[in-house]
């Protein structure tokens, strides 16, 4: 199924590691990013383009029609291997589909860099750290985006 981005439209969000705030945004998108075994740099870049271009902010008529750029919003990107938690065989999730940290971190970094290259201010958590995430979900609006179809469509 490819790389996953759980995207939440927020009026504000922050992440704290060890009592210190490492990332904070006002209006924008909070992205929990999961990397699967076998994901590639190409998938990270395609998924970043999709997330940055999502038109999920309200226009003057209240319809979700505006992108992050159009509202001057930012991104807060948090690594989240638990997006690949499989609970189909009992109550203890298996994370065997999640990429190992040494494979996941470069792709997380690629995703963040691609978002910045697209002109969006990006804040982050700390890869592999215990993080406290605070947010105000605006709407609420929450979407799951995956890289699987994006890469096939752009071949």
C-alpha atoms as a PDB file:
ATOM      1  CA  UNK A   1       0.000   0.000   0.000  1.00  0.00           C
ATOM      2  CA  UNK A   2       2.936   2.438   0.068  1.00  0.00           C
ATOM      3  CA  UNK A   3       3.863   5.358   2.278  1.00  0.00           C
ATOM      4  CA  UNK A   4       1.017   6.835   4.358  1.00  0.00           C
ATOM      5  CA  UNK A   5       0.287  10.391   5.432  1.00  0.00           C
ATOM      6  CA  UNK A   6      -2.511  10.904   7.930  1.00  0.00           C
ATOM      7  CA  UNK A   7      -3.343  14.583   7.361  1.00  0.00           C
ATOM      8  CA  UNK A   8      -5.296  16.753   9.789  1.00  0.00           C
ATOM      9  CA  UNK A   9      -6.341  20.318   9.025  1.00  0.00           C
ATOM     10  CA  UNK A  10      -5.491  22.347  12.128  1.00  0.00           C
ATOM     11  CA  UNK A  11      -5.849  25.860  13.443  1.00  0.00           C
ATOM     12  CA  UNK A  12      -2.695  25.198  15.457  1.00  0.00           C
ATOM     13  CA  UNK A  13      -0.439  22.297  16.421  1.00  0.00           C
ATOM     14  CA  UNK A  14       2.790  21.708  18.292  1.00  0.00           C
ATOM     15  CA  UNK A  15       5.118  18.875  19.231  1.00  0.00           C
ATOM     16  CA  UNK A  16       7.171  18.628  22.402  1.00  0.00           C
ATOM     17  CA  UNK A  17      10.133  16.325  23.032  1.00  0.00           C
ATOM     18  CA  UNK A  18      11.627  16.090  26.508  1.00  0.00           C
ATOM     19  CA  UNK A  19       9.748  19.186  27.676  1.00  0.00           C
ATOM     20  CA  UNK A  20      10.966  21.382  24.770  1.00  0.00           C
ATOM     21  CA  UNK A  21       8.811  22.410  21.810  1.00  0.00           C
ATOM     22  CA  UNK A  22      10.520  21.192  18.631  1.00  0.00           C
ATOM     23  CA  UNK A  23       7.835  22.249  16.173  1.00  0.00           C
ATOM     24  CA  UNK A  24       4.838  24.545  16.097  1.00  0.00           C
ATOM     25  CA  UNK A  25       2.466  25.838  13.428  1.00  0.00           C
ATOM     26  CA  UNK A  26      -0.627  28.001  13.304  1.00  0.00           C
ATOM     27  CA  UNK A  27      -3.143  27.340  10.554  1.00  0.00           C
ATOM     28  CA  UNK A  28      -2.045  24.451   8.393  1.00  0.00           C
ATOM     29  CA  UNK A  29      -1.713  20.695   8.230  1.00  0.00           C
ATOM     30  CA  UNK A  30      -0.472  18.225  10.809  1.00  0.00           C
ATOM     31  CA  UNK A  31       0.955  15.217   8.969  1.00  0.00           C
ATOM     32  CA  UNK A  32       1.642  11.875  10.629  1.00  0.00           C
ATOM     33  CA  UNK A  33       3.969  10.109   8.164  1.00  0.00           C
ATOM     34  CA  UNK A  34       4.388   6.339   8.041  1.00  0.00           C
ATOM     35  CA  UNK A  35       6.995   4.602   5.899  1.00  0.00           C
ATOM     36  CA  UNK A  36       6.460   1.025   4.742  1.00  0.00           C
ATOM     37  CA  UNK A  37       9.050  -1.605   3.848  1.00  0.00           C
ATOM     38  CA  UNK A  38      10.042  -1.094   0.230  1.00  0.00           C
ATOM     39  CA  UNK A  39       9.012   2.575  -0.031  1.00  0.00           C
ATOM     40  CA  UNK A  40      11.197   4.752  -2.237  1.00  0.00           C
ATOM     41  CA  UNK A  41      12.418   8.322  -2.508  1.00  0.00           C
ATOM     42  CA  UNK A  42      10.116   8.788  -5.491  1.00  0.00           C
ATOM     43  CA  UNK A  43       7.115   7.854  -3.354  1.00  0.00           C
ATOM     44  CA  UNK A  44       8.158  10.324  -0.654  1.00  0.00           C
ATOM     45  CA  UNK A  45       8.380  13.148  -3.207  1.00  0.00           C
ATOM     46  CA  UNK A  46       5.065  12.296  -4.886  1.00  0.00           C
ATOM     47  CA  UNK A  47       3.296  12.080  -1.525  1.00  0.00           C
ATOM     48  CA  UNK A  48       4.768  15.442  -0.465  1.00  0.00           C
ATOM     49  CA  UNK A  49       3.383  17.023  -3.650  1.00  0.00           C
ATOM     50  CA  UNK A  50      -0.049  15.529  -2.967  1.00  0.00           C
ATOM     51  CA  UNK A  51      -0.165  16.733   0.644  1.00  0.00           C
ATOM     52  CA  UNK A  52       1.042  20.262  -0.142  1.00  0.00           C
ATOM     53  CA  UNK A  53      -1.482  20.615  -2.986  1.00  0.00           C
ATOM     54  CA  UNK A  54      -4.521  19.317  -1.089  1.00  0.00           C
ATOM     55  CA  UNK A  55      -7.397  21.764  -1.450  1.00  0.00           C
ATOM     56  CA  UNK A  56      -9.024  21.362   1.955  1.00  0.00           C
ATOM     57  CA  UNK A  57      -9.208  24.917   3.295  1.00  0.00           C
ATOM     58  CA  UNK A  58     -12.394  26.951   3.061  1.00  0.00           C
ATOM     59  CA  UNK A  59     -12.818  29.628   0.415  1.00  0.00           C
ATOM     60  CA  UNK A  60     -15.017  32.752   0.746  1.00  0.00           C
ATOM     61  CA  UNK A  61     -18.107  30.583   0.258  1.00  0.00           C
ATOM     62  CA  UNK A  62     -17.018  28.082   2.910  1.00  0.00           C
ATOM     63  CA  UNK A  63     -16.224  25.289   0.434  1.00  0.00           C
ATOM     64  CA  UNK A  64     -13.024  23.288   0.772  1.00  0.00           C
ATOM     65  CA  UNK A  65     -11.298  24.706  -2.264  1.00  0.00           C
ATOM     66  CA  UNK A  66      -8.014  26.302  -1.165  1.00  0.00           C
ATOM     67  CA  UNK A  67      -4.529  24.827  -0.742  1.00  0.00           C
ATOM     68  CA  UNK A  68      -1.889  25.397   1.910  1.00  0.00           C
ATOM     69  CA  UNK A  69      -0.182  28.004  -0.284  1.00  0.00           C
ATOM     70  CA  UNK A  70      -3.407  29.930  -0.810  1.00  0.00           C
ATOM     71  CA  UNK A  71      -4.060  30.273   2.927  1.00  0.00           C
ATOM     72  CA  UNK A  72      -0.424  30.847   3.922  1.00  0.00           C
ATOM     73  CA  UNK A  73      -0.401  27.729   6.094  1.00  0.00           C
ATOM     74  CA  UNK A  74       2.401  25.546   7.396  1.00  0.00           C
ATOM     75  CA  UNK A  75       3.085  21.860   7.905  1.00  0.00           C
ATOM     76  CA  UNK A  76       3.984  19.997  11.066  1.00  0.00           C
ATOM     77  CA  UNK A  77       5.370  16.569  10.090  1.00  0.00           C
ATOM     78  CA  UNK A  78       5.601  13.784  12.673  1.00  0.00           C
ATOM     79  CA  UNK A  79       7.095  10.324  12.029  1.00  0.00           C
ATOM     80  CA  UNK A  80       4.496   7.657  12.845  1.00  0.00           C
ATOM     81  CA  UNK A  81       5.450   4.009  12.300  1.00  0.00           C
ATOM     82  CA  UNK A  82       2.263   2.921  14.109  1.00  0.00           C
ATOM     83  CA  UNK A  83       0.253   3.792  10.963  1.00  0.00           C
ATOM     84  CA  UNK A  84       1.370   0.322   9.873  1.00  0.00           C
ATOM     85  CA  UNK A  85       0.074  -1.419  12.983  1.00  0.00           C
ATOM     86  CA  UNK A  86      -1.733  -4.612  11.956  1.00  0.00           C
ATOM     87  CA  UNK A  87      -4.386  -5.731  14.443  1.00  0.00           C
ATOM     88  CA  UNK A  88      -5.924  -8.476  12.303  1.00  0.00           C
ATOM     89  CA  UNK A  89      -4.411 -11.255  14.451  1.00  0.00           C
ATOM     90  CA  UNK A  90      -5.220 -10.389  18.008  1.00  0.00           C
ATOM     91  CA  UNK A  91      -5.009  -7.363  20.234  1.00  0.00           C
ATOM     92  CA  UNK A  92      -1.296  -6.647  20.091  1.00  0.00           C
ATOM     93  CA  UNK A  93      -0.433  -4.802  16.861  1.00  0.00           C
ATOM     94  CA  UNK A  94       2.259  -6.160  14.586  1.00  0.00           C
ATOM     95  CA  UNK A  95       4.509  -3.594  12.938  1.00  0.00           C
ATOM     96  CA  UNK A  96       6.221  -5.934  10.480  1.00  0.00           C
ATOM     97  CA  UNK A  97       5.132  -3.773   7.496  1.00  0.00           C
ATOM     98  CA  UNK A  98       6.717  -0.619   8.941  1.00  0.00           C
ATOM     99  CA  UNK A  99      10.153   0.212   7.570  1.00  0.00           C
ATOM    100  CA  UNK A 100      13.084  -0.101   9.966  1.00  0.00           C
ATOM    101  CA  UNK A 101      14.349   3.269  11.284  1.00  0.00           C
ATOM    102  CA  UNK A 102      17.503   3.177   9.143  1.00  0.00           C
ATOM    103  CA  UNK A 103      15.321   2.923   5.996  1.00  0.00           C
ATOM    104  CA  UNK A 104      12.465   5.135   7.211  1.00  0.00           C
ATOM    105  CA  UNK A 105      14.417   8.182   8.386  1.00  0.00           C
ATOM    106  CA  UNK A 106      15.964   9.062   4.994  1.00  0.00           C
ATOM    107  CA  UNK A 107      12.497   8.858   3.393  1.00  0.00           C
ATOM    108  CA  UNK A 108      10.977  10.979   6.168  1.00  0.00           C
ATOM    109  CA  UNK A 109      13.772  13.513   5.555  1.00  0.00           C
ATOM    110  CA  UNK A 110      13.089  13.382   1.794  1.00  0.00           C
ATOM    111  CA  UNK A 111       9.377  14.051   2.388  1.00  0.00           C
ATOM    112  CA  UNK A 112      10.165  17.058   4.618  1.00  0.00           C
ATOM    113  CA  UNK A 113      12.723  18.431   2.125  1.00  0.00           C
ATOM    114  CA  UNK A 114      10.283  18.031  -0.774  1.00  0.00           C
ATOM    115  CA  UNK A 115       7.601  19.963   1.138  1.00  0.00           C
ATOM    116  CA  UNK A 116      10.086  22.766   1.816  1.00  0.00           C
ATOM    117  CA  UNK A 117      11.140  22.817  -1.841  1.00  0.00           C
ATOM    118  CA  UNK A 118       7.482  23.329  -2.716  1.00  0.00           C
ATOM    119  CA  UNK A 119       7.614  26.563  -0.711  1.00  0.00           C
ATOM    120  CA  UNK A 120       5.825  25.492   2.449  1.00  0.00           C
ATOM    121  CA  UNK A 121       7.130  26.290   5.938  1.00  0.00           C
ATOM    122  CA  UNK A 122       7.699  22.950   7.677  1.00  0.00           C
ATOM    123  CA  UNK A 123       8.172  22.157  11.360  1.00  0.00           C
ATOM    124  CA  UNK A 124       8.967  18.664  12.583  1.00  0.00           C
ATOM    125  CA  UNK A 125       9.123  16.419  15.565  1.00  0.00           C
ATOM    126  CA  UNK A 126      12.213  14.350  16.353  1.00  0.00           C
ATOM    127  CA  UNK A 127      12.514  11.065  14.479  1.00  0.00           C
ATOM    128  CA  UNK A 128      12.185   8.031  16.788  1.00  0.00           C
ATOM    129  CA  UNK A 129      11.635  10.152  19.924  1.00  0.00           C
ATOM    130  CA  UNK A 130       8.705   9.991  22.308  1.00  0.00           C
ATOM    131  CA  UNK A 131       6.651  13.048  21.332  1.00  0.00           C
ATOM    132  CA  UNK A 132       3.715  14.886  22.861  1.00  0.00           C
ATOM    133  CA  UNK A 133       1.589  16.293  20.047  1.00  0.00           C
ATOM    134  CA  UNK A 134      -1.040  18.955  20.678  1.00  0.00           C
ATOM    135  CA  UNK A 135      -3.483  20.096  18.033  1.00  0.00           C
ATOM    136  CA  UNK A 136      -6.751  21.784  17.360  1.00  0.00           C
ATOM    137  CA  UNK A 137      -8.325  19.900  14.474  1.00  0.00           C
ATOM    138  CA  UNK A 138     -10.189  22.424  12.342  1.00  0.00           C
ATOM    139  CA  UNK A 139     -13.459  20.988  11.071  1.00  0.00           C
ATOM    140  CA  UNK A 140     -12.565  18.291  11.978  1.00  0.00           C
ATOM    141  CA  UNK A 141     -10.890  17.368   8.697  1.00  0.00           C
ATOM    142  CA  UNK A 142      -8.732  14.227   8.619  1.00  0.00           C
ATOM    143  CA  UNK A 143      -7.586  12.438   5.450  1.00  0.00           C
ATOM    144  CA  UNK A 144      -5.411   9.410   4.721  1.00  0.00           C
ATOM    145  CA  UNK A 145      -3.145   9.852   1.700  1.00  0.00           C
ATOM    146  CA  UNK A 146      -0.989   7.043   0.333  1.00  0.00           C
ATOM    147  CA  UNK A 147       1.786   6.987  -2.241  1.00  0.00           C
ATOM    148  CA  UNK A 148       0.749   3.765  -3.950  1.00  0.00           C
ATOM    149  CA  UNK A 149      -1.529   5.178  -6.651  1.00  0.00           C
ATOM    150  CA  UNK A 150       0.453   8.397  -6.992  1.00  0.00           C
ATOM    151  CA  UNK A 151       3.560   6.638  -8.233  1.00  0.00           C
ATOM    152  CA  UNK A 152       1.602   4.428 -10.661  1.00  0.00           C
ATOM    153  CA  UNK A 153      -0.228   7.486 -12.064  1.00  0.00           C
ATOM    154  CA  UNK A 154       3.008   9.406 -12.624  1.00  0.00           C
ATOM    155  CA  UNK A 155       5.012   6.658 -14.349  1.00  0.00           C
END
